Each structure stands twice: as C-alpha cells, then as structure tokens.
Amino acid sequence: MPHEEFHDPLAPPDPLRDWYVNTIWGKRVDDDDLLFEVMSLQVFQAGLTWRMILNKRDGFRSAFDNWSISTVAGFGPAEVESLRNDPGIIRNRLKIQATVENARTVLALQSEHGSFCNWFYEDVLGFDVAVTTPCWWAWAMAEETWIPSSTALPGERGVPGCISLLSTPGTYSMAT
C-alpha cells in the first residue's frame, strides 16, 4: 500500500508539522545516527512543545555533530558546558548529559547487537516493525503521553540499558 501524505483537514496548514508527520513520525529508521537523533530530540522535548524542538533541529544537528553517536559519546565536561551556552538548542544540563550518556550506551548496544536499530526493533520491541507501522514512541509523542519509567514496553522486561525516553521528569537516560 503506497504511503499517502497526511494533513489534518481540521487544522490550519502548518508546513513544519506536516513535514514531520509525513517524513519522521511513525516511520521505521534504519540508520543508527538518525534513530539516535529522533530519540534524543524526544529527550529534549520532555516538558516542551514539538514545535520548539523542530524549530531548533538544525541547531541540535550542528551542536551534536549531525548526531554522530561516536562523537557525542566522546563529549566531556567542557563540551557539555559549551552546549549549555548554545542558544540554538535546549540548554538543560540534565538533558545534555543524558544525551551524552545515551550515546555511550548506544555504542555498547551497537557492539553487542550489530546496530542500534537491530537492538531497538528486535530486542526492545520484540518484533521487527514495518515501515508504515508507528512505533510506541511515536504514538506516545503524538498523544503527548507520559510513559512512567516503571512502565514496561513490549520486549523491555529484563533488557539492560532500556530506553526511558518519555519518562518522569529527571529520568532522561537510557541506562538502567
């Protein structure tokens, strides 16, 4: 079945929202850096609007070296402090530190599972998600639902390093 572009006929035209819904939301990601970007942006979105995050997407890409997992994993205290002064991103110290720690966790997952995407779609979700099937995180984002970090998602039980992206405030890291 071909993918049809979506636009809510009851909502006023919004090119940024329509682009996100038709390009990113609920789509399977087969590139580790892109999956890391999408998940990291969700960390930064916690407590804020998606419009704010999408408006700063280019700033985030610049600040986090196009979401290169290996580069972000190497960030130390000096880079974190520099990012706290970057007006192009959300400058919350906890969210920045969580993103760096998450990159380190992703490197370990890549080493163990071959790729971050393999781990996410097969081990965490417990099945391979079709390209047109929205992922749990996209559904939660669209519904603006808070999923407490104690909530077990499909395939999550017993998996070390589980992702708590949409969690209670203050718990932004993937590491358990």
C-alpha atoms as a PDB file:
ATOM      1  CA  MET A   1       0.000   0.000   0.000  1.00  0.00           C
ATOM      2  CA  PRO A   2       1.600   3.303  -1.023  1.00  0.00           C
ATOM      3  CA  HIS A   3       2.211   5.890   1.651  1.00  0.00           C
ATOM      4  CA  GLU A   4      -0.166   8.823   1.426  1.00  0.00           C
ATOM      5  CA  GLU A   5       0.784  12.166   2.867  1.00  0.00           C
ATOM      6  CA  PHE A   6      -1.266  13.177   5.857  1.00  0.00           C
ATOM      7  CA  HIS A   7      -2.701  16.573   6.638  1.00  0.00           C
ATOM      8  CA  ASP A   8      -5.349  17.123   9.290  1.00  0.00           C
ATOM      9  CA  PRO A   9      -8.170  18.833   7.371  1.00  0.00           C
ATOM     10  CA  LEU A  10      -9.427  20.469  10.572  1.00  0.00           C
ATOM     11  CA  ALA A  11      -6.069  22.035  11.429  1.00  0.00           C
ATOM     12  CA  PRO A  12      -4.686  25.140   9.758  1.00  0.00           C
ATOM     13  CA  PRO A  13      -1.869  24.472   7.275  1.00  0.00           C
ATOM     14  CA  ASP A  14       1.432  24.006   9.044  1.00  0.00           C
ATOM     15  CA  PRO A  15       4.356  23.036   6.780  1.00  0.00           C
ATOM     16  CA  LEU A  16       6.668  22.128   9.684  1.00  0.00           C
ATOM     17  CA  ARG A  17       4.105  19.847  11.351  1.00  0.00           C
ATOM     18  CA  ASP A  18       3.074  18.309   8.041  1.00  0.00           C
ATOM     19  CA  TRP A  19       6.709  17.670   7.109  1.00  0.00           C
ATOM     20  CA  TYR A  20       7.342  15.959  10.463  1.00  0.00           C
ATOM     21  CA  VAL A  21       4.203  13.820  10.298  1.00  0.00           C
ATOM     22  CA  ASN A  22       4.874  12.767   6.711  1.00  0.00           C
ATOM     23  CA  THR A  23       8.634  12.265   6.985  1.00  0.00           C
ATOM     24  CA  ILE A  24       9.551  11.216  10.520  1.00  0.00           C
ATOM     25  CA  TRP A  25       6.568  10.318  12.686  1.00  0.00           C
ATOM     26  CA  GLY A  26       5.949   6.598  12.941  1.00  0.00           C
ATOM     27  CA  LYS A  27       8.453   5.717  10.237  1.00  0.00           C
ATOM     28  CA  ARG A  28      10.968   2.957  10.665  1.00  0.00           C
ATOM     29  CA  VAL A  29      14.501   4.300  10.869  1.00  0.00           C
ATOM     30  CA  ASP A  30      17.304   2.113   9.511  1.00  0.00           C
ATOM     31  CA  ASP A  31      20.203   4.436  10.316  1.00  0.00           C
ATOM     32  CA  ASP A  32      21.651   4.366  13.841  1.00  0.00           C
ATOM     33  CA  ASP A  33      22.545   8.062  13.885  1.00  0.00           C
ATOM     34  CA  LEU A  34      19.050   9.056  12.713  1.00  0.00           C
ATOM     35  CA  LEU A  35      17.383   6.817  15.307  1.00  0.00           C
ATOM     36  CA  PHE A  36      19.669   8.366  17.933  1.00  0.00           C
ATOM     37  CA  GLU A  37      18.655  11.832  16.714  1.00  0.00           C
ATOM     38  CA  VAL A  38      14.921  11.086  16.860  1.00  0.00           C
ATOM     39  CA  MET A  39      15.199   9.592  20.329  1.00  0.00           C
ATOM     40  CA  SER A  40      17.487  12.358  21.591  1.00  0.00           C
ATOM     41  CA  LEU A  41      15.089  15.017  20.360  1.00  0.00           C
ATOM     42  CA  GLN A  42      12.413  13.307  22.439  1.00  0.00           C
ATOM     43  CA  VAL A  43      14.623  13.674  25.496  1.00  0.00           C
ATOM     44  CA  PHE A  44      14.931  17.389  24.788  1.00  0.00           C
ATOM     45  CA  GLN A  45      11.201  17.686  24.089  1.00  0.00           C
ATOM     46  CA  ALA A  46      10.194  16.479  27.572  1.00  0.00           C
ATOM     47  CA  GLY A  47       8.143  19.289  29.086  1.00  0.00           C
ATOM     48  CA  LEU A  48       8.284  21.406  25.926  1.00  0.00           C
ATOM     49  CA  THR A  49       6.435  21.536  22.608  1.00  0.00           C
ATOM     50  CA  TRP A  50       7.429  19.650  19.481  1.00  0.00           C
ATOM     51  CA  ARG A  51       7.263  22.906  17.548  1.00  0.00           C
ATOM     52  CA  MET A  52      10.054  24.311  19.739  1.00  0.00           C
ATOM     53  CA  ILE A  53      12.212  21.229  19.170  1.00  0.00           C
ATOM     54  CA  LEU A  54      11.582  21.130  15.424  1.00  0.00           C
ATOM     55  CA  ASN A  55      12.403  24.822  15.129  1.00  0.00           C
ATOM     56  CA  LYS A  56      15.762  24.094  16.781  1.00  0.00           C
ATOM     57  CA  ARG A  57      16.504  20.899  14.839  1.00  0.00           C
ATOM     58  CA  ASP A  58      19.263  22.485  12.746  1.00  0.00           C
ATOM     59  CA  GLY A  59      20.847  23.897  15.906  1.00  0.00           C
ATOM     60  CA  PHE A  60      20.783  20.451  17.507  1.00  0.00           C
ATOM     61  CA  ARG A  61      22.352  18.886  14.419  1.00  0.00           C
ATOM     62  CA  SER A  62      25.148  21.423  14.471  1.00  0.00           C
ATOM     63  CA  ALA A  63      25.719  21.170  18.221  1.00  0.00           C
ATOM     64  CA  PHE A  64      25.731  17.364  18.253  1.00  0.00           C
ATOM     65  CA  ASP A  65      27.838  16.885  15.096  1.00  0.00           C
ATOM     66  CA  ASN A  66      24.903  15.687  12.968  1.00  0.00           C
ATOM     67  CA  TRP A  67      24.054  13.251  15.770  1.00  0.00           C
ATOM     68  CA  SER A  68      27.211  11.206  15.260  1.00  0.00           C
ATOM     69  CA  ILE A  69      26.905   8.668  18.054  1.00  0.00           C
ATOM     70  CA  SER A  70      30.660   8.144  18.365  1.00  0.00           C
ATOM     71  CA  THR A  71      31.348  11.876  18.506  1.00  0.00           C
ATOM     72  CA  VAL A  72      28.630  12.597  21.082  1.00  0.00           C
ATOM     73  CA  ALA A  73      29.791   9.658  23.202  1.00  0.00           C
ATOM     74  CA  GLY A  74      33.204  11.345  23.405  1.00  0.00           C
ATOM     75  CA  PHE A  75      31.821  14.619  24.783  1.00  0.00           C
ATOM     76  CA  GLY A  76      33.259  15.526  28.164  1.00  0.00           C
ATOM     77  CA  PRO A  77      32.508  18.217  30.734  1.00  0.00           C
ATOM     78  CA  ALA A  78      33.930  21.000  28.528  1.00  0.00           C
ATOM     79  CA  GLU A  79      31.652  20.105  25.589  1.00  0.00           C
ATOM     80  CA  VAL A  80      28.638  19.803  27.897  1.00  0.00           C
ATOM     81  CA  GLU A  81      29.366  23.251  29.325  1.00  0.00           C
ATOM     82  CA  SER A  82      29.778  24.661  25.824  1.00  0.00           C
ATOM     83  CA  LEU A  83      26.404  23.207  24.805  1.00  0.00           C
ATOM     84  CA  ARG A  84      24.819  24.876  27.848  1.00  0.00           C
ATOM     85  CA  ASN A  85      25.744  28.197  26.249  1.00  0.00           C
ATOM     86  CA  ASP A  86      24.456  27.347  22.749  1.00  0.00           C
ATOM     87  CA  PRO A  87      21.263  29.331  22.018  1.00  0.00           C
ATOM     88  CA  GLY A  88      20.485  27.012  19.096  1.00  0.00           C
ATOM     89  CA  ILE A  89      19.454  24.142  21.395  1.00  0.00           C
ATOM     90  CA  ILE A  90      17.610  23.453  24.631  1.00  0.00           C
ATOM     91  CA  ARG A  91      20.324  24.121  27.219  1.00  0.00           C
ATOM     92  CA  ASN A  92      19.146  21.904  30.071  1.00  0.00           C
ATOM     93  CA  ARG A  93      22.216  20.318  31.680  1.00  0.00           C
ATOM     94  CA  LEU A  94      20.424  17.056  32.572  1.00  0.00           C
ATOM     95  CA  LYS A  95      19.126  16.587  29.038  1.00  0.00           C
ATOM     96  CA  ILE A  96      22.538  17.302  27.525  1.00  0.00           C
ATOM     97  CA  GLN A  97      24.278  14.915  29.935  1.00  0.00           C
ATOM     98  CA  ALA A  98      21.640  12.238  29.312  1.00  0.00           C
ATOM     99  CA  THR A  99      22.217  12.562  25.572  1.00  0.00           C
ATOM    100  CA  VAL A 100      25.960  12.029  26.032  1.00  0.00           C
ATOM    101  CA  GLU A 101      25.366   9.032  28.324  1.00  0.00           C
ATOM    102  CA  ASN A 102      22.802   7.648  25.884  1.00  0.00           C
ATOM    103  CA  ALA A 103      25.373   7.864  23.078  1.00  0.00           C
ATOM    104  CA  ARG A 104      27.760   5.813  25.202  1.00  0.00           C
ATOM    105  CA  THR A 105      25.024   3.258  25.848  1.00  0.00           C
ATOM    106  CA  VAL A 106      24.239   3.110  22.120  1.00  0.00           C
ATOM    107  CA  LEU A 107      27.915   2.361  21.347  1.00  0.00           C
ATOM    108  CA  ALA A 108      27.727  -0.635  23.685  1.00  0.00           C
ATOM    109  CA  LEU A 109      24.457  -1.759  22.090  1.00  0.00           C
ATOM    110  CA  GLN A 110      25.985  -1.465  18.619  1.00  0.00           C
ATOM    111  CA  SER A 111      28.907  -3.603  19.716  1.00  0.00           C
ATOM    112  CA  GLU A 112      26.662  -6.268  21.197  1.00  0.00           C
ATOM    113  CA  HIS A 113      23.810  -6.296  18.647  1.00  0.00           C
ATOM    114  CA  GLY A 114      25.428  -5.139  15.413  1.00  0.00           C
ATOM    115  CA  SER A 115      23.455  -1.905  15.331  1.00  0.00           C
ATOM    116  CA  PHE A 116      21.282   0.306  17.478  1.00  0.00           C
ATOM    117  CA  CYS A 117      18.368  -0.242  15.086  1.00  0.00           C
ATOM    118  CA  ASN A 118      18.675  -4.039  15.408  1.00  0.00           C
ATOM    119  CA  TRP A 119      18.552  -3.767  19.170  1.00  0.00           C
ATOM    120  CA  PHE A 120      15.637  -1.328  19.178  1.00  0.00           C
ATOM    121  CA  TYR A 121      13.355  -3.064  16.694  1.00  0.00           C
ATOM    122  CA  GLU A 122      14.128  -6.666  17.567  1.00  0.00           C
ATOM    123  CA  ASP A 123      15.128  -6.775  21.236  1.00  0.00           C
ATOM    124  CA  VAL A 124      13.269  -3.864  22.804  1.00  0.00           C
ATOM    125  CA  LEU A 125      10.054  -4.048  20.800  1.00  0.00           C
ATOM    126  CA  GLY A 126      10.353  -7.807  20.444  1.00  0.00           C
ATOM    127  CA  PHE A 127       9.499  -7.748  16.737  1.00  0.00           C
ATOM    128  CA  ASP A 128      10.504  -6.058  13.526  1.00  0.00           C
ATOM    129  CA  VAL A 129       8.325  -3.017  12.890  1.00  0.00           C
ATOM    130  CA  ALA A 130       7.018  -2.469   9.370  1.00  0.00           C
ATOM    131  CA  VAL A 131       7.943   0.800   7.706  1.00  0.00           C
ATOM    132  CA  THR A 132       4.386   2.133   7.929  1.00  0.00           C
ATOM    133  CA  THR A 133       3.704   0.980  11.492  1.00  0.00           C
ATOM    134  CA  PRO A 134       4.050   3.725  14.109  1.00  0.00           C
ATOM    135  CA  CYS A 135       6.463   2.828  16.871  1.00  0.00           C
ATOM    136  CA  TRP A 136       5.395   3.067  20.521  1.00  0.00           C
ATOM    137  CA  TRP A 137       7.500   6.171  20.995  1.00  0.00           C
ATOM    138  CA  ALA A 138       5.876   7.918  18.048  1.00  0.00           C
ATOM    139  CA  TRP A 139       2.438   7.064  19.371  1.00  0.00           C
ATOM    140  CA  ALA A 140       3.330   8.352  22.805  1.00  0.00           C
ATOM    141  CA  MET A 141       4.750  11.534  21.273  1.00  0.00           C
ATOM    142  CA  ALA A 142       1.677  12.104  19.118  1.00  0.00           C
ATOM    143  CA  GLU A 143      -0.621  11.590  22.071  1.00  0.00           C
ATOM    144  CA  GLU A 144       1.704  13.653  24.294  1.00  0.00           C
ATOM    145  CA  THR A 145       1.558  10.812  26.773  1.00  0.00           C
ATOM    146  CA  TRP A 146       3.959  10.485  29.674  1.00  0.00           C
ATOM    147  CA  ILE A 147       5.103   6.892  29.988  1.00  0.00           C
ATOM    148  CA  PRO A 148       6.471   6.432  33.505  1.00  0.00           C
ATOM    149  CA  SER A 149       9.920   4.884  33.576  1.00  0.00           C
ATOM    150  CA  SER A 150       8.410   1.967  35.511  1.00  0.00           C
ATOM    151  CA  THR A 151       6.083   1.130  32.596  1.00  0.00           C
ATOM    152  CA  ALA A 152       7.266  -1.953  30.737  1.00  0.00           C
ATOM    153  CA  LEU A 153       7.030  -1.646  26.970  1.00  0.00           C
ATOM    154  CA  PRO A 154       6.870  -4.635  24.602  1.00  0.00           C
ATOM    155  CA  GLY A 155      10.056  -6.675  24.859  1.00  0.00           C
ATOM    156  CA  GLU A 156      11.510  -4.354  27.516  1.00  0.00           C
ATOM    157  CA  ARG A 157      11.470  -6.677  30.511  1.00  0.00           C
ATOM    158  CA  GLY A 158      14.970  -7.709  31.503  1.00  0.00           C
ATOM    159  CA  VAL A 159      16.748  -5.837  28.713  1.00  0.00           C
ATOM    160  CA  PRO A 160      19.782  -3.969  30.108  1.00  0.00           C
ATOM    161  CA  GLY A 161      20.060  -0.354  29.068  1.00  0.00           C
ATOM    162  CA  CYS A 162      16.359   0.073  28.318  1.00  0.00           C
ATOM    163  CA  ILE A 163      15.331   3.428  26.984  1.00  0.00           C
ATOM    164  CA  SER A 164      13.225   5.677  29.184  1.00  0.00           C
ATOM    165  CA  LEU A 165      12.704   8.477  26.706  1.00  0.00           C
ATOM    166  CA  LEU A 166       9.264   9.620  27.737  1.00  0.00           C
ATOM    167  CA  SER A 167       9.586   9.262  31.454  1.00  0.00           C
ATOM    168  CA  THR A 168       9.017  11.143  34.631  1.00  0.00           C
ATOM    169  CA  PRO A 169      10.927  14.438  34.840  1.00  0.00           C
ATOM    170  CA  GLY A 170      14.555  13.938  35.769  1.00  0.00           C
ATOM    171  CA  THR A 171      14.940  10.450  34.267  1.00  0.00           C
ATOM    172  CA  TYR A 172      16.170  11.054  30.741  1.00  0.00           C
ATOM    173  CA  SER A 173      18.894   8.442  30.393  1.00  0.00           C
ATOM    174  CA  MET A 174      18.690   5.101  28.601  1.00  0.00           C
ATOM    175  CA  ALA A 175      20.916   3.409  31.150  1.00  0.00           C
ATOM    176  CA  THR A 176      19.160   1.418  33.847  1.00  0.00           C
END
